[in-house]
Amino acid sequence: GGGVLWLEIIQRKIQMNLRLSTIPLTLFALVGVSGATVWLAKSPVGAHIKRSQELSQRVAQALLAAFATAVFNDSGVIAALLLLAPVLFTVVESALCATSESTSEPSESASP
């Protein structure tokens, strides 16, 4: 019946994503994106993301899209990585710019 067909589809998707996840380049990318995500969440950059409503929305949209591609696409792990990479670069760039702006501003106590 229909239930068996759905189970076969789900099993095929899981097998394909697991197979793709064991390819060294994909594994390297998964570890990199996961590590960067944890670092961003636990560092001052995470606070920067929370302060920026637009950036927070972009991150949430990318995570939702990555989850959807992982669920609905046979090679979803690859598509998810491709969706998350630009957002990750944007977040890191934004955080670095915010950090450099805050460190380059002269402090009030240093003025004569």
C-alpha atoms as a PDB file:
ATOM      1  CA  GLY A   1       0.000   0.000   0.000  1.00  0.00           C
ATOM      2  CA  GLY A   2       0.829   3.661   0.253  1.00  0.00           C
ATOM      3  CA  GLY A   3       2.463   3.342   3.665  1.00  0.00           C
ATOM      4  CA  VAL A   4       5.053   0.895   2.348  1.00  0.00           C
ATOM      5  CA  LEU A   5       5.865   3.231  -0.533  1.00  0.00           C
ATOM      6  CA  TRP A   6       6.465   6.129   1.868  1.00  0.00           C
ATOM      7  CA  LEU A   7       8.726   3.991   4.026  1.00  0.00           C
ATOM      8  CA  GLU A   8      10.759   2.986   0.958  1.00  0.00           C
ATOM      9  CA  ILE A   9      11.123   6.630  -0.087  1.00  0.00           C
ATOM     10  CA  ILE A  10      12.212   7.697   3.404  1.00  0.00           C
ATOM     11  CA  GLN A  11      14.662   4.797   3.617  1.00  0.00           C
ATOM     12  CA  ARG A  12      16.148   5.682   0.215  1.00  0.00           C
ATOM     13  CA  LYS A  13      16.589   9.330   1.211  1.00  0.00           C
ATOM     14  CA  ILE A  14      18.287   8.422   4.480  1.00  0.00           C
ATOM     15  CA  GLN A  15      20.609   5.957   2.730  1.00  0.00           C
ATOM     16  CA  MET A  16      21.557   8.495   0.058  1.00  0.00           C
ATOM     17  CA  ASN A  17      22.275  11.234   2.602  1.00  0.00           C
ATOM     18  CA  LEU A  18      24.314   8.869   4.783  1.00  0.00           C
ATOM     19  CA  ARG A  19      26.296   7.736   1.750  1.00  0.00           C
ATOM     20  CA  LEU A  20      26.964  11.335   0.732  1.00  0.00           C
ATOM     21  CA  SER A  21      27.883  12.273   4.302  1.00  0.00           C
ATOM     22  CA  THR A  22      30.751   9.792   4.316  1.00  0.00           C
ATOM     23  CA  ILE A  23      32.491  11.352   1.306  1.00  0.00           C
ATOM     24  CA  PRO A  24      35.591  13.111   2.725  1.00  0.00           C
ATOM     25  CA  LEU A  25      34.835  16.517   1.171  1.00  0.00           C
ATOM     26  CA  THR A  26      31.224  16.447   2.371  1.00  0.00           C
ATOM     27  CA  LEU A  27      32.305  15.298   5.815  1.00  0.00           C
ATOM     28  CA  PHE A  28      34.858  18.121   5.964  1.00  0.00           C
ATOM     29  CA  ALA A  29      32.172  20.650   4.980  1.00  0.00           C
ATOM     30  CA  LEU A  30      29.702  19.259   7.529  1.00  0.00           C
ATOM     31  CA  VAL A  31      32.270  19.482  10.316  1.00  0.00           C
ATOM     32  CA  GLY A  32      33.252  22.987   9.218  1.00  0.00           C
ATOM     33  CA  VAL A  33      29.701  24.307   9.057  1.00  0.00           C
ATOM     34  CA  SER A  34      28.795  22.614  12.347  1.00  0.00           C
ATOM     35  CA  GLY A  35      31.909  23.954  14.078  1.00  0.00           C
ATOM     36  CA  ALA A  36      31.376  27.451  12.735  1.00  0.00           C
ATOM     37  CA  THR A  37      27.730  27.371  13.808  1.00  0.00           C
ATOM     38  CA  VAL A  38      28.642  26.357  17.355  1.00  0.00           C
ATOM     39  CA  TRP A  39      31.395  28.987  17.479  1.00  0.00           C
ATOM     40  CA  LEU A  40      29.025  31.674  16.189  1.00  0.00           C
ATOM     41  CA  ALA A  41      26.353  30.748  18.717  1.00  0.00           C
ATOM     42  CA  LYS A  42      28.731  30.785  21.705  1.00  0.00           C
ATOM     43  CA  SER A  43      30.877  33.777  20.770  1.00  0.00           C
ATOM     44  CA  PRO A  44      30.081  37.502  20.879  1.00  0.00           C
ATOM     45  CA  VAL A  45      29.121  37.069  17.236  1.00  0.00           C
ATOM     46  CA  GLY A  46      25.972  35.281  18.418  1.00  0.00           C
ATOM     47  CA  ALA A  47      24.956  38.411  20.293  1.00  0.00           C
ATOM     48  CA  HIS A  48      25.591  40.437  17.141  1.00  0.00           C
ATOM     49  CA  ILE A  49      23.287  38.145  15.165  1.00  0.00           C
ATOM     50  CA  LYS A  50      20.562  38.501  17.794  1.00  0.00           C
ATOM     51  CA  ARG A  51      20.850  42.309  17.716  1.00  0.00           C
ATOM     52  CA  SER A  52      20.473  42.401  13.946  1.00  0.00           C
ATOM     53  CA  GLN A  53      16.876  41.498  13.134  1.00  0.00           C
ATOM     54  CA  GLU A  54      17.573  41.199   9.403  1.00  0.00           C
ATOM     55  CA  LEU A  55      20.556  38.910   9.970  1.00  0.00           C
ATOM     56  CA  SER A  56      18.561  36.787  12.426  1.00  0.00           C
ATOM     57  CA  GLN A  57      15.813  36.400   9.848  1.00  0.00           C
ATOM     58  CA  ARG A  58      18.304  35.387   7.151  1.00  0.00           C
ATOM     59  CA  VAL A  59      19.856  32.756   9.409  1.00  0.00           C
ATOM     60  CA  ALA A  60      16.430  31.373  10.338  1.00  0.00           C
ATOM     61  CA  GLN A  61      15.385  31.253   6.673  1.00  0.00           C
ATOM     62  CA  ALA A  62      18.580  29.480   5.671  1.00  0.00           C
ATOM     63  CA  LEU A  63      18.213  26.916   8.458  1.00  0.00           C
ATOM     64  CA  LEU A  64      14.594  26.235   7.484  1.00  0.00           C
ATOM     65  CA  ALA A  65      15.530  25.901   3.803  1.00  0.00           C
ATOM     66  CA  ALA A  66      18.456  23.617   4.655  1.00  0.00           C
ATOM     67  CA  PHE A  67      16.196  21.418   6.781  1.00  0.00           C
ATOM     68  CA  ALA A  68      13.602  21.243   3.996  1.00  0.00           C
ATOM     69  CA  THR A  69      16.178  20.272   1.376  1.00  0.00           C
ATOM     70  CA  ALA A  70      17.637  17.640   3.685  1.00  0.00           C
ATOM     71  CA  VAL A  71      14.171  16.148   4.155  1.00  0.00           C
ATOM     72  CA  PHE A  72      12.786  16.392   0.607  1.00  0.00           C
ATOM     73  CA  ASN A  73      15.858  15.938  -1.578  1.00  0.00           C
ATOM     74  CA  ASP A  74      17.737  12.653  -2.090  1.00  0.00           C
ATOM     75  CA  SER A  75      21.035  14.508  -1.858  1.00  0.00           C
ATOM     76  CA  GLY A  76      19.713  16.962   0.712  1.00  0.00           C
ATOM     77  CA  VAL A  77      22.888  17.082   2.756  1.00  0.00           C
ATOM     78  CA  ILE A  78      24.738  18.626  -0.201  1.00  0.00           C
ATOM     79  CA  ALA A  79      21.933  21.088  -0.943  1.00  0.00           C
ATOM     80  CA  ALA A  80      21.740  22.048   2.727  1.00  0.00           C
ATOM     81  CA  LEU A  81      25.473  22.793   2.825  1.00  0.00           C
ATOM     82  CA  LEU A  82      25.191  24.882  -0.325  1.00  0.00           C
ATOM     83  CA  LEU A  83      22.314  26.847   1.195  1.00  0.00           C
ATOM     84  CA  LEU A  84      24.094  27.447   4.490  1.00  0.00           C
ATOM     85  CA  ALA A  85      27.501  28.448   3.111  1.00  0.00           C
ATOM     86  CA  PRO A  86      26.573  31.938   1.818  1.00  0.00           C
ATOM     87  CA  VAL A  87      24.681  32.761   4.999  1.00  0.00           C
ATOM     88  CA  LEU A  88      27.589  31.569   7.119  1.00  0.00           C
ATOM     89  CA  PHE A  89      30.009  33.765   5.160  1.00  0.00           C
ATOM     90  CA  THR A  90      27.638  36.750   5.466  1.00  0.00           C
ATOM     91  CA  VAL A  91      27.321  36.271   9.222  1.00  0.00           C
ATOM     92  CA  VAL A  92      31.076  36.003   9.696  1.00  0.00           C
ATOM     93  CA  GLU A  93      31.699  39.062   7.500  1.00  0.00           C
ATOM     94  CA  SER A  94      29.050  41.077   9.317  1.00  0.00           C
ATOM     95  CA  ALA A  95      30.463  40.106  12.683  1.00  0.00           C
ATOM     96  CA  LEU A  96      34.017  40.955  11.643  1.00  0.00           C
ATOM     97  CA  CYS A  97      32.895  44.337  10.327  1.00  0.00           C
ATOM     98  CA  ALA A  98      31.008  45.047  13.559  1.00  0.00           C
ATOM     99  CA  THR A  99      34.030  43.984  15.598  1.00  0.00           C
ATOM    100  CA  SER A 100      36.441  46.130  13.594  1.00  0.00           C
ATOM    101  CA  GLU A 101      34.112  49.139  13.841  1.00  0.00           C
ATOM    102  CA  SER A 102      33.843  48.796  17.620  1.00  0.00           C
ATOM    103  CA  THR A 103      37.611  48.430  18.054  1.00  0.00           C
ATOM    104  CA  SER A 104      38.466  51.317  15.731  1.00  0.00           C
ATOM    105  CA  GLU A 105      36.205  53.836  17.485  1.00  0.00           C
ATOM    106  CA  PRO A 106      38.197  56.049  19.827  1.00  0.00           C
ATOM    107  CA  SER A 107      37.233  55.607  23.427  1.00  0.00           C
ATOM    108  CA  GLU A 108      35.983  58.598  25.365  1.00  0.00           C
ATOM    109  CA  SER A 109      38.416  58.003  28.226  1.00  0.00           C
ATOM    110  CA  ALA A 110      41.414  58.238  25.890  1.00  0.00           C
ATOM    111  CA  SER A 111      40.605  61.769  24.739  1.00  0.00           C
ATOM    112  CA  PRO A 112      42.375  64.683  26.477  1.00  0.00           C
END
